[in-house]
Amino acid sequence: MFRWFLRMVLLATVALAVCSLPGSALALRGGQNVAGLIKKGQNFFDDQRYEESTQTLSAALLRPEIKQAEKIEVYKLLAFNYILLGKQDEADGAVRGLLVTDETFELPKSESPRFREFFSTSRKRWVEEGRPGLKASEASGGEAPKATVKLRHSSPAQVSSNDVVPLSGELDDSEGVVSQVRLYFRQGSSGKFESLKARYAMRRFSVDLPASVVAPPLVEYYLVALDNKGIPVATRGDAESPLRIAVPESQSVITSPWLWVPVGVAVVAAIVIPIVVVSAQTSSADVTIRVTE
């Protein structure tokens, strides 16, 4: 019974610590709107933080409220990032996504010759291949068709520190769009997300969170399904609203100073209060209390 009580105290302490962080550690945080994400992605790009820019812009791309003009800007910046990262296929996919959204798009002459050349080459190949994706876009009223892929995954609420955490899920992908699933993760709630490719077959995926990042107070992660060009088509969480798993301190409740501080205060109070009461009721006697280390 006593051990059960201590466990309940520990769980309550962890819950309070987690909930005191910005946003709930057991749920998605409210992220920025699309315009805010694009601005943040642009700032990362300007600071030459291309991976972080890509992660932020990918989050914006899959927001259901994204507008056509915003989607064009996202695809453009994604293409720039991928070009500078040397990811040719992903850059080509971003340019094609942009052209499907706006066939008439042209980079201004003031833009970098490197970017202009890449866009021109990608456009030429896209036209030669019959402008794939454009008919579907025209059928949907001029915008690129919404992704029909859904990524299903249940996040564990709590795990032990330094444990490998297996994650798994499945995809609704009737058209076979998805070619891979990637896990993005980090310890805590700040810093750059690292990435791992998940095992993926028969519309199911599995991947392990490394034990090295599973540390108190929490670990954050999200999952992204990518097409054969490396462009995100579905996500569970994202860089701005990641999934969170609470990781309790491994320290024993009995030895934890957070338990003994209030207990110590209670004990001192239990000793001092009766003495004060006795002192108040005794008019002819002096009471001396000496506290030594």
C-alpha atoms as a PDB file:
ATOM      1  CA  MET A   1       0.000   0.000   0.000  1.00  0.00           C
ATOM      2  CA  PHE A   2       2.825   2.375   0.910  1.00  0.00           C
ATOM      3  CA  ARG A   3       4.678   1.654  -2.339  1.00  0.00           C
ATOM      4  CA  TRP A   4       1.493   2.297  -4.307  1.00  0.00           C
ATOM      5  CA  PHE A   5       1.131   5.653  -2.563  1.00  0.00           C
ATOM      6  CA  LEU A   6       4.736   6.605  -3.377  1.00  0.00           C
ATOM      7  CA  ARG A   7       4.165   5.695  -7.033  1.00  0.00           C
ATOM      8  CA  MET A   8       1.106   7.930  -7.160  1.00  0.00           C
ATOM      9  CA  VAL A   9       3.126  10.796  -5.648  1.00  0.00           C
ATOM     10  CA  LEU A  10       5.856  10.313  -8.258  1.00  0.00           C
ATOM     11  CA  LEU A  11       3.390  10.257 -11.157  1.00  0.00           C
ATOM     12  CA  ALA A  12       1.676  13.380  -9.862  1.00  0.00           C
ATOM     13  CA  THR A  13       5.041  15.142  -9.534  1.00  0.00           C
ATOM     14  CA  VAL A  14       5.992  14.218 -13.104  1.00  0.00           C
ATOM     15  CA  ALA A  15       2.637  15.384 -14.406  1.00  0.00           C
ATOM     16  CA  LEU A  16       2.984  18.738 -12.663  1.00  0.00           C
ATOM     17  CA  ALA A  17       6.536  19.200 -13.952  1.00  0.00           C
ATOM     18  CA  VAL A  18       5.533  18.355 -17.504  1.00  0.00           C
ATOM     19  CA  CYS A  19       2.458  20.536 -17.495  1.00  0.00           C
ATOM     20  CA  SER A  20       4.481  23.467 -16.177  1.00  0.00           C
ATOM     21  CA  LEU A  21       6.422  23.539 -19.441  1.00  0.00           C
ATOM     22  CA  PRO A  22       5.137  25.671 -22.356  1.00  0.00           C
ATOM     23  CA  GLY A  23       2.223  23.584 -23.567  1.00  0.00           C
ATOM     24  CA  SER A  24       1.210  20.113 -22.399  1.00  0.00           C
ATOM     25  CA  ALA A  25       3.891  17.461 -22.634  1.00  0.00           C
ATOM     26  CA  LEU A  26       1.313  14.818 -23.427  1.00  0.00           C
ATOM     27  CA  ALA A  27      -0.338  16.554 -26.346  1.00  0.00           C
ATOM     28  CA  LEU A  28       0.327  18.643 -29.406  1.00  0.00           C
ATOM     29  CA  ARG A  29       1.271  22.244 -28.809  1.00  0.00           C
ATOM     30  CA  GLY A  30      -0.486  24.978 -30.679  1.00  0.00           C
ATOM     31  CA  GLY A  31       1.898  26.065 -33.421  1.00  0.00           C
ATOM     32  CA  GLN A  32       2.184  29.175 -35.549  1.00  0.00           C
ATOM     33  CA  ASN A  33      -0.072  29.897 -38.485  1.00  0.00           C
ATOM     34  CA  VAL A  34       1.104  29.341 -42.057  1.00  0.00           C
ATOM     35  CA  ALA A  35       2.383  32.899 -42.521  1.00  0.00           C
ATOM     36  CA  GLY A  36       4.372  32.642 -39.291  1.00  0.00           C
ATOM     37  CA  LEU A  37       5.870  29.327 -40.357  1.00  0.00           C
ATOM     38  CA  ILE A  38       6.905  30.725 -43.736  1.00  0.00           C
ATOM     39  CA  LYS A  39       8.562  33.693 -42.056  1.00  0.00           C
ATOM     40  CA  LYS A  40      10.378  31.417 -39.636  1.00  0.00           C
ATOM     41  CA  GLY A  41      11.459  29.167 -42.510  1.00  0.00           C
ATOM     42  CA  GLN A  42      12.758  32.213 -44.386  1.00  0.00           C
ATOM     43  CA  ASN A  43      14.714  33.338 -41.316  1.00  0.00           C
ATOM     44  CA  PHE A  44      16.304  29.912 -40.975  1.00  0.00           C
ATOM     45  CA  PHE A  45      17.212  30.039 -44.668  1.00  0.00           C
ATOM     46  CA  ASP A  46      18.768  33.494 -44.301  1.00  0.00           C
ATOM     47  CA  ASP A  47      20.807  32.172 -41.360  1.00  0.00           C
ATOM     48  CA  GLN A  48      21.978  29.221 -43.499  1.00  0.00           C
ATOM     49  CA  ARG A  49      20.154  26.752 -41.254  1.00  0.00           C
ATOM     50  CA  TYR A  50      18.784  24.846 -44.218  1.00  0.00           C
ATOM     51  CA  GLU A  51      17.692  21.650 -42.477  1.00  0.00           C
ATOM     52  CA  GLU A  52      15.682  23.590 -39.906  1.00  0.00           C
ATOM     53  CA  SER A  53      14.229  25.765 -42.651  1.00  0.00           C
ATOM     54  CA  THR A  54      13.124  22.654 -44.532  1.00  0.00           C
ATOM     55  CA  GLN A  55      11.521  21.171 -41.416  1.00  0.00           C
ATOM     56  CA  THR A  56       9.582  24.364 -40.722  1.00  0.00           C
ATOM     57  CA  LEU A  57       8.444  24.825 -44.312  1.00  0.00           C
ATOM     58  CA  SER A  58       7.332  21.192 -44.522  1.00  0.00           C
ATOM     59  CA  ALA A  59       5.093  21.868 -41.523  1.00  0.00           C
ATOM     60  CA  ALA A  60       3.574  24.855 -43.350  1.00  0.00           C
ATOM     61  CA  LEU A  61       3.040  22.860 -46.552  1.00  0.00           C
ATOM     62  CA  LEU A  62       0.792  20.303 -44.852  1.00  0.00           C
ATOM     63  CA  ARG A  63      -1.356  22.773 -42.924  1.00  0.00           C
ATOM     64  CA  PRO A  64      -4.911  22.433 -44.285  1.00  0.00           C
ATOM     65  CA  GLU A  65      -5.455  26.211 -44.220  1.00  0.00           C
ATOM     66  CA  ILE A  66      -2.514  27.021 -46.510  1.00  0.00           C
ATOM     67  CA  LYS A  67      -3.441  29.338 -49.402  1.00  0.00           C
ATOM     68  CA  GLN A  68      -2.260  29.031 -52.996  1.00  0.00           C
ATOM     69  CA  ALA A  69       0.112  32.011 -52.777  1.00  0.00           C
ATOM     70  CA  GLU A  70       1.581  30.639 -49.543  1.00  0.00           C
ATOM     71  CA  LYS A  71       2.045  27.211 -51.109  1.00  0.00           C
ATOM     72  CA  ILE A  72       3.981  28.771 -53.996  1.00  0.00           C
ATOM     73  CA  GLU A  73       6.295  30.542 -51.542  1.00  0.00           C
ATOM     74  CA  VAL A  74       6.802  27.354 -49.524  1.00  0.00           C
ATOM     75  CA  TYR A  75       7.677  25.279 -52.606  1.00  0.00           C
ATOM     76  CA  LYS A  76      10.093  27.972 -53.771  1.00  0.00           C
ATOM     77  CA  LEU A  77      11.920  28.131 -50.438  1.00  0.00           C
ATOM     78  CA  LEU A  78      11.953  24.351 -50.150  1.00  0.00           C
ATOM     79  CA  ALA A  79      13.574  24.143 -53.588  1.00  0.00           C
ATOM     80  CA  PHE A  80      16.208  26.706 -52.546  1.00  0.00           C
ATOM     81  CA  ASN A  81      17.001  24.738 -49.384  1.00  0.00           C
ATOM     82  CA  TYR A  82      17.258  21.423 -51.202  1.00  0.00           C
ATOM     83  CA  ILE A  83      19.488  22.909 -53.904  1.00  0.00           C
ATOM     84  CA  LEU A  84      21.902  24.236 -51.296  1.00  0.00           C
ATOM     85  CA  LEU A  85      21.795  20.918 -49.416  1.00  0.00           C
ATOM     86  CA  GLY A  86      22.643  19.071 -52.627  1.00  0.00           C
ATOM     87  CA  LYS A  87      19.357  17.126 -52.616  1.00  0.00           C
ATOM     88  CA  GLN A  88      18.609  17.220 -56.327  1.00  0.00           C
ATOM     89  CA  ASP A  89      15.549  14.943 -56.380  1.00  0.00           C
ATOM     90  CA  GLU A  90      13.870  16.786 -53.512  1.00  0.00           C
ATOM     91  CA  ALA A  91      14.633  20.152 -55.153  1.00  0.00           C
ATOM     92  CA  ASP A  92      13.146  18.930 -58.430  1.00  0.00           C
ATOM     93  CA  GLY A  93      10.062  17.695 -56.577  1.00  0.00           C
ATOM     94  CA  ALA A  94       9.602  21.095 -54.936  1.00  0.00           C
ATOM     95  CA  VAL A  95       9.864  22.891 -58.296  1.00  0.00           C
ATOM     96  CA  ARG A  96       7.317  20.515 -59.819  1.00  0.00           C
ATOM     97  CA  GLY A  97       4.969  21.064 -56.911  1.00  0.00           C
ATOM     98  CA  LEU A  98       5.280  24.803 -57.467  1.00  0.00           C
ATOM     99  CA  LEU A  99       4.576  24.470 -61.216  1.00  0.00           C
ATOM    100  CA  VAL A 100       1.532  22.298 -60.561  1.00  0.00           C
ATOM    101  CA  THR A 101       0.261  25.047 -58.282  1.00  0.00           C
ATOM    102  CA  ASP A 102       1.158  27.854 -60.729  1.00  0.00           C
ATOM    103  CA  GLU A 103       2.304  26.826 -64.213  1.00  0.00           C
ATOM    104  CA  THR A 104       3.233  30.420 -65.091  1.00  0.00           C
ATOM    105  CA  PHE A 105       5.647  30.932 -62.199  1.00  0.00           C
ATOM    106  CA  GLU A 106       9.069  32.344 -63.067  1.00  0.00           C
ATOM    107  CA  LEU A 107      11.893  33.323 -60.766  1.00  0.00           C
ATOM    108  CA  PRO A 108      12.787  37.034 -61.055  1.00  0.00           C
ATOM    109  CA  LYS A 109      15.977  37.872 -62.971  1.00  0.00           C
ATOM    110  CA  SER A 110      17.439  39.298 -59.776  1.00  0.00           C
ATOM    111  CA  GLU A 111      17.459  35.814 -58.230  1.00  0.00           C
ATOM    112  CA  SER A 112      20.611  33.727 -57.974  1.00  0.00           C
ATOM    113  CA  PRO A 113      21.724  32.282 -61.352  1.00  0.00           C
ATOM    114  CA  ARG A 114      22.164  28.919 -59.621  1.00  0.00           C
ATOM    115  CA  PHE A 115      18.522  28.854 -58.612  1.00  0.00           C
ATOM    116  CA  ARG A 116      17.303  30.173 -61.966  1.00  0.00           C
ATOM    117  CA  GLU A 117      19.221  27.507 -63.873  1.00  0.00           C
ATOM    118  CA  PHE A 118      17.883  24.713 -61.694  1.00  0.00           C
ATOM    119  CA  PHE A 119      14.279  25.949 -61.997  1.00  0.00           C
ATOM    120  CA  SER A 120      14.635  26.263 -65.776  1.00  0.00           C
ATOM    121  CA  THR A 121      16.009  22.722 -66.109  1.00  0.00           C
ATOM    122  CA  SER A 122      13.281  21.265 -63.883  1.00  0.00           C
ATOM    123  CA  ARG A 123      10.568  23.096 -65.818  1.00  0.00           C
ATOM    124  CA  LYS A 124      11.934  21.786 -69.120  1.00  0.00           C
ATOM    125  CA  ARG A 125      11.859  18.166 -67.913  1.00  0.00           C
ATOM    126  CA  TRP A 126       8.399  18.643 -66.425  1.00  0.00           C
ATOM    127  CA  VAL A 127       7.041  19.992 -69.723  1.00  0.00           C
ATOM    128  CA  GLU A 128       8.699  17.183 -71.713  1.00  0.00           C
ATOM    129  CA  GLU A 129       7.025  14.618 -69.437  1.00  0.00           C
ATOM    130  CA  GLY A 130       3.602  16.101 -70.179  1.00  0.00           C
ATOM    131  CA  ARG A 131       3.242  18.389 -67.131  1.00  0.00           C
ATOM    132  CA  PRO A 132       2.415  15.584 -64.669  1.00  0.00           C
ATOM    133  CA  GLY A 133      -0.013  16.630 -61.960  1.00  0.00           C
ATOM    134  CA  LEU A 134      -1.342  19.650 -63.824  1.00  0.00           C
ATOM    135  CA  LYS A 135      -4.620  18.063 -64.980  1.00  0.00           C
ATOM    136  CA  ALA A 136      -5.465  17.045 -61.439  1.00  0.00           C
ATOM    137  CA  SER A 137      -4.718  20.598 -60.354  1.00  0.00           C
ATOM    138  CA  GLU A 138      -7.006  22.071 -63.021  1.00  0.00           C
ATOM    139  CA  ALA A 139      -9.759  19.670 -62.028  1.00  0.00           C
ATOM    140  CA  SER A 140      -9.561  20.930 -58.444  1.00  0.00           C
ATOM    141  CA  GLY A 141     -10.034  24.568 -59.457  1.00  0.00           C
ATOM    142  CA  GLY A 142      -6.484  25.645 -60.140  1.00  0.00           C
ATOM    143  CA  GLU A 143      -4.914  24.404 -56.930  1.00  0.00           C
ATOM    144  CA  ALA A 144      -2.820  21.307 -56.447  1.00  0.00           C
ATOM    145  CA  PRO A 145      -5.029  18.436 -55.209  1.00  0.00           C
ATOM    146  CA  LYS A 146      -5.110  17.811 -51.489  1.00  0.00           C
ATOM    147  CA  ALA A 147      -3.077  14.873 -50.252  1.00  0.00           C
ATOM    148  CA  THR A 148      -5.203  11.758 -49.774  1.00  0.00           C
ATOM    149  CA  VAL A 149      -2.666  10.102 -47.470  1.00  0.00           C
ATOM    150  CA  LYS A 150      -3.358   9.703 -43.750  1.00  0.00           C
ATOM    151  CA  LEU A 151      -0.720   8.700 -41.231  1.00  0.00           C
ATOM    152  CA  ARG A 152      -2.037   6.854 -38.178  1.00  0.00           C
ATOM    153  CA  HIS A 153       0.061   6.558 -35.028  1.00  0.00           C
ATOM    154  CA  SER A 154      -0.574   6.440 -31.283  1.00  0.00           C
ATOM    155  CA  SER A 155       1.995   8.133 -29.081  1.00  0.00           C
ATOM    156  CA  PRO A 156       2.994   6.625 -25.713  1.00  0.00           C
ATOM    157  CA  ALA A 157       2.228   8.933 -22.795  1.00  0.00           C
ATOM    158  CA  GLN A 158       5.287   8.100 -20.699  1.00  0.00           C
ATOM    159  CA  VAL A 159       8.497   6.079 -20.989  1.00  0.00           C
ATOM    160  CA  SER A 160      11.483   5.313 -18.789  1.00  0.00           C
ATOM    161  CA  SER A 161      14.712   7.246 -19.131  1.00  0.00           C
ATOM    162  CA  ASN A 162      17.436   5.768 -21.377  1.00  0.00           C
ATOM    163  CA  ASP A 163      15.079   3.200 -22.912  1.00  0.00           C
ATOM    164  CA  VAL A 164      14.749   2.553 -26.627  1.00  0.00           C
ATOM    165  CA  VAL A 165      11.162   3.503 -27.547  1.00  0.00           C
ATOM    166  CA  PRO A 166       9.576   1.518 -30.397  1.00  0.00           C
ATOM    167  CA  LEU A 167       7.122   3.537 -32.505  1.00  0.00           C
ATOM    168  CA  SER A 168       4.826   2.181 -35.182  1.00  0.00           C
ATOM    169  CA  GLY A 169       1.761   3.020 -37.235  1.00  0.00           C
ATOM    170  CA  GLU A 170       0.079   2.638 -40.583  1.00  0.00           C
ATOM    171  CA  LEU A 171      -0.827   4.700 -43.632  1.00  0.00           C
ATOM    172  CA  ASP A 172      -4.025   5.119 -45.585  1.00  0.00           C
ATOM    173  CA  ASP A 173      -2.484   5.443 -49.045  1.00  0.00           C
ATOM    174  CA  SER A 174      -4.809   3.994 -51.667  1.00  0.00           C
ATOM    175  CA  GLU A 175      -2.867   5.561 -54.564  1.00  0.00           C
ATOM    176  CA  GLY A 176       0.544   4.338 -53.386  1.00  0.00           C
ATOM    177  CA  VAL A 177       1.994   7.838 -53.122  1.00  0.00           C
ATOM    178  CA  VAL A 178       4.256   7.213 -50.132  1.00  0.00           C
ATOM    179  CA  SER A 179       7.774   5.902 -50.707  1.00  0.00           C
ATOM    180  CA  GLN A 180       9.181   6.335 -47.183  1.00  0.00           C
ATOM    181  CA  VAL A 181       8.402   7.465 -43.633  1.00  0.00           C
ATOM    182  CA  ARG A 182      10.866   9.457 -41.542  1.00  0.00           C
ATOM    183  CA  LEU A 183      11.066  10.077 -37.811  1.00  0.00           C
ATOM    184  CA  TYR A 184      12.260  13.479 -36.538  1.00  0.00           C
ATOM    185  CA  PHE A 185      13.191  13.681 -32.851  1.00  0.00           C
ATOM    186  CA  ARG A 186      15.014  15.660 -30.166  1.00  0.00           C
ATOM    187  CA  GLN A 187      15.525  15.592 -26.408  1.00  0.00           C
ATOM    188  CA  GLY A 188      13.668  18.398 -24.652  1.00  0.00           C
ATOM    189  CA  SER A 189      11.706  21.138 -26.360  1.00  0.00           C
ATOM    190  CA  SER A 190      14.356  23.139 -28.197  1.00  0.00           C
ATOM    191  CA  GLY A 191      17.105  22.652 -30.718  1.00  0.00           C
ATOM    192  CA  LYS A 192      17.350  20.908 -34.059  1.00  0.00           C
ATOM    193  CA  PHE A 193      15.424  17.717 -34.834  1.00  0.00           C
ATOM    194  CA  GLU A 194      17.486  14.711 -35.873  1.00  0.00           C
ATOM    195  CA  SER A 195      16.107  12.286 -38.436  1.00  0.00           C
ATOM    196  CA  LEU A 196      15.826   8.532 -39.003  1.00  0.00           C
ATOM    197  CA  LYS A 197      14.283   6.551 -41.831  1.00  0.00           C
ATOM    198  CA  ALA A 198      11.564   4.182 -40.635  1.00  0.00           C
ATOM    199  CA  ARG A 199      11.082   0.588 -41.757  1.00  0.00           C
ATOM    200  CA  TYR A 200       8.160   0.714 -44.188  1.00  0.00           C
ATOM    201  CA  ALA A 201       6.294  -2.089 -45.953  1.00  0.00           C
ATOM    202  CA  MET A 202       2.680  -3.027 -46.701  1.00  0.00           C
ATOM    203  CA  ARG A 203       1.461   0.417 -45.576  1.00  0.00           C
ATOM    204  CA  ARG A 204       2.923  -0.116 -42.098  1.00  0.00           C
ATOM    205  CA  PHE A 205       5.993   1.476 -40.546  1.00  0.00           C
ATOM    206  CA  SER A 206       8.126   1.026 -37.437  1.00  0.00           C
ATOM    207  CA  VAL A 207      11.113   2.903 -36.048  1.00  0.00           C
ATOM    208  CA  ASP A 208      12.898   3.233 -32.685  1.00  0.00           C
ATOM    209  CA  LEU A 209      13.550   6.391 -30.730  1.00  0.00           C
ATOM    210  CA  PRO A 210      17.223   6.093 -29.691  1.00  0.00           C
ATOM    211  CA  ALA A 211      17.834   5.649 -25.977  1.00  0.00           C
ATOM    212  CA  SER A 212      20.343   8.519 -26.089  1.00  0.00           C
ATOM    213  CA  VAL A 213      17.568  11.123 -26.465  1.00  0.00           C
ATOM    214  CA  VAL A 214      15.088   9.555 -24.045  1.00  0.00           C
ATOM    215  CA  ALA A 215      15.869  11.685 -20.998  1.00  0.00           C
ATOM    216  CA  PRO A 216      13.895  13.804 -18.506  1.00  0.00           C
ATOM    217  CA  PRO A 217      11.760  15.754 -18.670  1.00  0.00           C
ATOM    218  CA  LEU A 218      10.516  14.803 -22.144  1.00  0.00           C
ATOM    219  CA  VAL A 219      11.329  13.843 -25.705  1.00  0.00           C
ATOM    220  CA  GLU A 220       9.696  15.431 -28.770  1.00  0.00           C
ATOM    221  CA  TYR A 221       9.186  13.845 -32.172  1.00  0.00           C
ATOM    222  CA  TYR A 222       7.060  13.770 -35.281  1.00  0.00           C
ATOM    223  CA  LEU A 223       6.566  11.481 -38.276  1.00  0.00           C
ATOM    224  CA  VAL A 224       6.426  12.435 -41.957  1.00  0.00           C
ATOM    225  CA  ALA A 225       5.376  10.384 -44.984  1.00  0.00           C
ATOM    226  CA  LEU A 226       7.244  11.366 -48.169  1.00  0.00           C
ATOM    227  CA  ASP A 227       6.577  10.722 -51.842  1.00  0.00           C
ATOM    228  CA  ASN A 228       9.178   9.429 -54.307  1.00  0.00           C
ATOM    229  CA  LYS A 229      10.594  12.965 -54.677  1.00  0.00           C
ATOM    230  CA  GLY A 230      11.015  13.460 -50.943  1.00  0.00           C
ATOM    231  CA  ILE A 231       8.125  15.928 -50.654  1.00  0.00           C
ATOM    232  CA  PRO A 232       5.963  15.521 -47.508  1.00  0.00           C
ATOM    233  CA  VAL A 233       2.437  14.254 -48.147  1.00  0.00           C
ATOM    234  CA  ALA A 234       1.275  13.389 -44.617  1.00  0.00           C
ATOM    235  CA  THR A 235       2.445  13.951 -41.072  1.00  0.00           C
ATOM    236  CA  ARG A 236       1.718  13.125 -37.450  1.00  0.00           C
ATOM    237  CA  GLY A 237       2.896  16.186 -35.586  1.00  0.00           C
ATOM    238  CA  ASP A 238       5.405  18.571 -37.151  1.00  0.00           C
ATOM    239  CA  ALA A 239       8.378  20.778 -36.288  1.00  0.00           C
ATOM    240  CA  GLU A 240       6.144  23.422 -34.712  1.00  0.00           C
ATOM    241  CA  SER A 241       3.636  21.069 -33.042  1.00  0.00           C
ATOM    242  CA  PRO A 242       5.578  17.897 -32.225  1.00  0.00           C
ATOM    243  CA  LEU A 243       4.335  14.916 -30.271  1.00  0.00           C
ATOM    244  CA  ARG A 244       5.688  14.770 -26.720  1.00  0.00           C
ATOM    245  CA  ILE A 245       6.443  11.867 -24.387  1.00  0.00           C
ATOM    246  CA  ALA A 246       6.996  12.458 -20.675  1.00  0.00           C
ATOM    247  CA  VAL A 247      10.216  10.977 -19.265  1.00  0.00           C
ATOM    248  CA  PRO A 248      10.180  10.915 -15.427  1.00  0.00           C
ATOM    249  CA  GLU A 249      13.296  11.372 -13.335  1.00  0.00           C
ATOM    250  CA  SER A 250      14.757   7.991 -12.401  1.00  0.00           C
ATOM    251  CA  GLN A 251      15.547   9.279  -8.889  1.00  0.00           C
ATOM    252  CA  SER A 252      13.775   7.446  -6.089  1.00  0.00           C
ATOM    253  CA  VAL A 253      10.884   9.253  -4.455  1.00  0.00           C
ATOM    254  CA  ILE A 254      12.352   8.477  -1.036  1.00  0.00           C
ATOM    255  CA  THR A 255      15.653  10.225  -1.853  1.00  0.00           C
ATOM    256  CA  SER A 256      14.164  13.039  -3.893  1.00  0.00           C
ATOM    257  CA  PRO A 257      14.705  16.474  -2.297  1.00  0.00           C
ATOM    258  CA  TRP A 258      11.396  17.603  -3.799  1.00  0.00           C
ATOM    259  CA  LEU A 259       9.630  15.145  -1.528  1.00  0.00           C
ATOM    260  CA  TRP A 260      11.646  15.877   1.599  1.00  0.00           C
ATOM    261  CA  VAL A 261      11.475  19.686   1.423  1.00  0.00           C
ATOM    262  CA  PRO A 262       7.700  19.797   2.080  1.00  0.00           C
ATOM    263  CA  VAL A 263       8.011  16.852   4.502  1.00  0.00           C
ATOM    264  CA  GLY A 264      10.777  18.682   6.386  1.00  0.00           C
ATOM    265  CA  VAL A 265       8.678  21.832   6.567  1.00  0.00           C
ATOM    266  CA  ALA A 266       5.764  19.815   7.901  1.00  0.00           C
ATOM    267  CA  VAL A 267       7.940  18.143  10.556  1.00  0.00           C
ATOM    268  CA  VAL A 268       9.433  21.465  11.714  1.00  0.00           C
ATOM    269  CA  ALA A 269       5.959  22.957  11.830  1.00  0.00           C
ATOM    270  CA  ALA A 270       4.710  19.999  13.864  1.00  0.00           C
ATOM    271  CA  ILE A 271       7.487  20.573  16.429  1.00  0.00           C
ATOM    272  CA  VAL A 272       7.508  24.366  16.590  1.00  0.00           C
ATOM    273  CA  ILE A 273       3.755  25.042  16.683  1.00  0.00           C
ATOM    274  CA  PRO A 274       3.086  23.081  19.940  1.00  0.00           C
ATOM    275  CA  ILE A 275       6.068  24.802  21.588  1.00  0.00           C
ATOM    276  CA  VAL A 276       4.779  28.203  20.552  1.00  0.00           C
ATOM    277  CA  VAL A 277       1.356  27.318  21.931  1.00  0.00           C
ATOM    278  CA  VAL A 278       2.910  26.170  25.234  1.00  0.00           C
ATOM    279  CA  SER A 279       4.982  29.349  25.372  1.00  0.00           C
ATOM    280  CA  ALA A 280       1.935  31.495  24.850  1.00  0.00           C
ATOM    281  CA  GLN A 281       0.096  29.725  27.664  1.00  0.00           C
ATOM    282  CA  THR A 282       3.008  29.820  30.180  1.00  0.00           C
ATOM    283  CA  SER A 283       3.543  33.211  31.805  1.00  0.00           C
ATOM    284  CA  SER A 284       6.093  32.242  34.452  1.00  0.00           C
ATOM    285  CA  ALA A 285       8.538  30.170  32.404  1.00  0.00           C
ATOM    286  CA  ASP A 286      10.948  30.995  29.611  1.00  0.00           C
ATOM    287  CA  VAL A 287      11.259  28.488  26.797  1.00  0.00           C
ATOM    288  CA  THR A 288      14.507  28.423  24.829  1.00  0.00           C
ATOM    289  CA  ILE A 289      14.798  26.598  21.514  1.00  0.00           C
ATOM    290  CA  ARG A 290      18.307  25.928  20.203  1.00  0.00           C
ATOM    291  CA  VAL A 291      18.722  24.639  16.660  1.00  0.00           C
ATOM    292  CA  THR A 292      22.063  23.121  15.787  1.00  0.00           C
ATOM    293  CA  GLU A 293      23.349  21.687  12.507  1.00  0.00           C
END
